[in-house]
Amino acid sequence: SGSRKQGRPEAGIPLDLFEKDRPRFISQALGRDRYRLAVFNFSVETRTISFDLARLGLRTASVETLPGFGPAISGRMRGRILTPAIPPGGVIVFAVTG
């Protein structure tokens, strides 16, 4: 967009803002079919969380955990991402490429 500063990525956008008290999914567009995706666990229990790739306009994607942002996973996903266990109040961040 024209108002974006040169070299700076777009701001992260909540994908489920009005579905829960707090958004669990925040995406940041990095280019054509390339995203950084943060998945938050606001519960008091450790949980795995399912994310529908259609929210990013994708059917399949290569998904990789960013170093230091959760247990390492890497691979081609179809339809959805099922996160590893996320501790209470935790977050996992993925690089997603369609």
C-alpha atoms as a PDB file:
ATOM      1  CA  SER A   1       0.000   0.000   0.000  1.00  0.00           C
ATOM      2  CA  GLY A   2       1.120   3.587  -0.645  1.00  0.00           C
ATOM      3  CA  SER A   3       1.141   4.587   3.042  1.00  0.00           C
ATOM      4  CA  ARG A   4       3.458   1.741   3.997  1.00  0.00           C
ATOM      5  CA  LYS A   5       7.043   2.723   4.784  1.00  0.00           C
ATOM      6  CA  GLN A   6       9.637   1.273   2.429  1.00  0.00           C
ATOM      7  CA  GLY A   7      11.021  -2.056   3.647  1.00  0.00           C
ATOM      8  CA  ARG A   8       8.618  -2.471   6.551  1.00  0.00           C
ATOM      9  CA  PRO A   9       6.238  -5.444   6.591  1.00  0.00           C
ATOM     10  CA  GLU A  10       2.490  -4.989   6.893  1.00  0.00           C
ATOM     11  CA  ALA A  11       1.019  -4.914  10.393  1.00  0.00           C
ATOM     12  CA  GLY A  12      -0.394  -8.132  11.843  1.00  0.00           C
ATOM     13  CA  ILE A  13      -4.150  -8.574  11.423  1.00  0.00           C
ATOM     14  CA  PRO A  14      -6.410 -10.532  13.823  1.00  0.00           C
ATOM     15  CA  LEU A  15      -8.324 -13.166  11.858  1.00  0.00           C
ATOM     16  CA  ASP A  16     -10.968 -14.006  14.488  1.00  0.00           C
ATOM     17  CA  LEU A  17     -11.511 -10.638  16.185  1.00  0.00           C
ATOM     18  CA  PHE A  18     -15.269 -10.991  16.771  1.00  0.00           C
ATOM     19  CA  GLU A  19     -15.398 -14.767  17.317  1.00  0.00           C
ATOM     20  CA  LYS A  20     -13.785 -14.916  20.784  1.00  0.00           C
ATOM     21  CA  ASP A  21     -13.069 -12.531  23.671  1.00  0.00           C
ATOM     22  CA  ARG A  22      -9.482 -12.278  22.429  1.00  0.00           C
ATOM     23  CA  PRO A  23      -8.249 -13.094  18.927  1.00  0.00           C
ATOM     24  CA  ARG A  24      -6.235 -16.319  18.796  1.00  0.00           C
ATOM     25  CA  PHE A  25      -4.968 -15.952  15.226  1.00  0.00           C
ATOM     26  CA  ILE A  26      -2.922 -13.017  13.943  1.00  0.00           C
ATOM     27  CA  SER A  27      -1.459 -13.028  10.444  1.00  0.00           C
ATOM     28  CA  GLN A  28       1.110 -10.779   8.832  1.00  0.00           C
ATOM     29  CA  ALA A  29       1.326 -10.679   5.041  1.00  0.00           C
ATOM     30  CA  LEU A  30       4.924 -10.957   3.843  1.00  0.00           C
ATOM     31  CA  GLY A  31       4.271 -11.171   0.103  1.00  0.00           C
ATOM     32  CA  ARG A  32       2.184 -13.142  -2.337  1.00  0.00           C
ATOM     33  CA  ASP A  33       0.863 -16.213  -0.460  1.00  0.00           C
ATOM     34  CA  ARG A  34       3.501 -15.732   2.272  1.00  0.00           C
ATOM     35  CA  TYR A  35       2.496 -15.102   5.877  1.00  0.00           C
ATOM     36  CA  ARG A  36       3.701 -15.083   9.438  1.00  0.00           C
ATOM     37  CA  LEU A  37       0.964 -16.638  11.602  1.00  0.00           C
ATOM     38  CA  ALA A  38       0.782 -16.367  15.389  1.00  0.00           C
ATOM     39  CA  VAL A  39      -1.522 -18.783  17.244  1.00  0.00           C
ATOM     40  CA  PHE A  40      -2.245 -17.878  20.876  1.00  0.00           C
ATOM     41  CA  ASN A  41      -3.563 -20.118  23.660  1.00  0.00           C
ATOM     42  CA  PHE A  42      -5.407 -17.918  26.164  1.00  0.00           C
ATOM     43  CA  SER A  43      -6.864 -20.864  28.100  1.00  0.00           C
ATOM     44  CA  VAL A  44      -5.623 -22.126  31.467  1.00  0.00           C
ATOM     45  CA  GLU A  45      -4.863 -25.551  29.939  1.00  0.00           C
ATOM     46  CA  THR A  46      -2.283 -26.744  27.425  1.00  0.00           C
ATOM     47  CA  ARG A  47      -4.017 -27.128  24.042  1.00  0.00           C
ATOM     48  CA  THR A  48      -3.541 -27.981  20.429  1.00  0.00           C
ATOM     49  CA  ILE A  49      -5.361 -25.538  18.183  1.00  0.00           C
ATOM     50  CA  SER A  50      -6.652 -26.069  14.658  1.00  0.00           C
ATOM     51  CA  PHE A  51      -6.256 -23.277  12.093  1.00  0.00           C
ATOM     52  CA  ASP A  52      -8.160 -23.344   8.783  1.00  0.00           C
ATOM     53  CA  LEU A  53      -5.833 -22.350   5.919  1.00  0.00           C
ATOM     54  CA  ALA A  54      -8.847 -20.915   4.047  1.00  0.00           C
ATOM     55  CA  ARG A  55      -8.621 -17.935   6.444  1.00  0.00           C
ATOM     56  CA  LEU A  56      -5.489 -17.024   4.477  1.00  0.00           C
ATOM     57  CA  GLY A  57      -7.064 -17.923   1.134  1.00  0.00           C
ATOM     58  CA  LEU A  58      -5.007 -21.119   0.895  1.00  0.00           C
ATOM     59  CA  ARG A  59      -5.925 -24.771   0.377  1.00  0.00           C
ATOM     60  CA  THR A  60      -2.442 -26.135   1.030  1.00  0.00           C
ATOM     61  CA  ALA A  61       0.701 -24.532   2.408  1.00  0.00           C
ATOM     62  CA  SER A  62       4.227 -25.206   3.539  1.00  0.00           C
ATOM     63  CA  VAL A  63       4.293 -24.554   7.280  1.00  0.00           C
ATOM     64  CA  GLU A  64       7.327 -24.158   9.488  1.00  0.00           C
ATOM     65  CA  THR A  65       7.661 -23.041  13.107  1.00  0.00           C
ATOM     66  CA  LEU A  66       9.852 -19.966  13.428  1.00  0.00           C
ATOM     67  CA  PRO A  67      12.934 -20.653  15.589  1.00  0.00           C
ATOM     68  CA  GLY A  68      12.294 -19.808  19.237  1.00  0.00           C
ATOM     69  CA  PHE A  69       8.508 -19.660  18.806  1.00  0.00           C
ATOM     70  CA  GLY A  70       7.388 -23.149  19.756  1.00  0.00           C
ATOM     71  CA  PRO A  71       8.121 -26.809  19.058  1.00  0.00           C
ATOM     72  CA  ALA A  72       9.595 -27.306  15.591  1.00  0.00           C
ATOM     73  CA  ILE A  73       7.246 -28.552  12.905  1.00  0.00           C
ATOM     74  CA  SER A  74       7.794 -28.374   9.185  1.00  0.00           C
ATOM     75  CA  GLY A  75       5.855 -29.760   6.264  1.00  0.00           C
ATOM     76  CA  ARG A  76       3.152 -29.381   3.668  1.00  0.00           C
ATOM     77  CA  MET A  77      -0.319 -29.021   5.226  1.00  0.00           C
ATOM     78  CA  ARG A  78      -3.644 -29.506   3.477  1.00  0.00           C
ATOM     79  CA  GLY A  79      -6.757 -27.677   4.686  1.00  0.00           C
ATOM     80  CA  ARG A  80      -5.602 -26.855   8.187  1.00  0.00           C
ATOM     81  CA  ILE A  81      -2.728 -26.565  10.603  1.00  0.00           C
ATOM     82  CA  LEU A  82      -2.959 -28.503  13.868  1.00  0.00           C
ATOM     83  CA  THR A  83      -0.500 -26.921  16.271  1.00  0.00           C
ATOM     84  CA  PRO A  84       1.711 -28.814  18.667  1.00  0.00           C
ATOM     85  CA  ALA A  85       0.635 -28.450  22.316  1.00  0.00           C
ATOM     86  CA  ILE A  86       0.702 -24.769  23.316  1.00  0.00           C
ATOM     87  CA  PRO A  87       1.040 -24.058  27.055  1.00  0.00           C
ATOM     88  CA  PRO A  88      -1.449 -21.803  28.867  1.00  0.00           C
ATOM     89  CA  GLY A  89      -0.904 -18.173  27.850  1.00  0.00           C
ATOM     90  CA  GLY A  90       1.565 -19.308  25.176  1.00  0.00           C
ATOM     91  CA  VAL A  91       2.001 -18.610  21.488  1.00  0.00           C
ATOM     92  CA  ILE A  92       3.464 -20.431  18.512  1.00  0.00           C
ATOM     93  CA  VAL A  93       4.517 -18.614  15.340  1.00  0.00           C
ATOM     94  CA  PHE A  94       4.643 -20.154  11.869  1.00  0.00           C
ATOM     95  CA  ALA A  95       6.005 -19.173   8.483  1.00  0.00           C
ATOM     96  CA  VAL A  96       3.244 -20.105   6.010  1.00  0.00           C
ATOM     97  CA  THR A  97       3.815 -20.244   2.240  1.00  0.00           C
ATOM     98  CA  GLY A  98       1.048 -21.135  -0.213  1.00  0.00           C
END
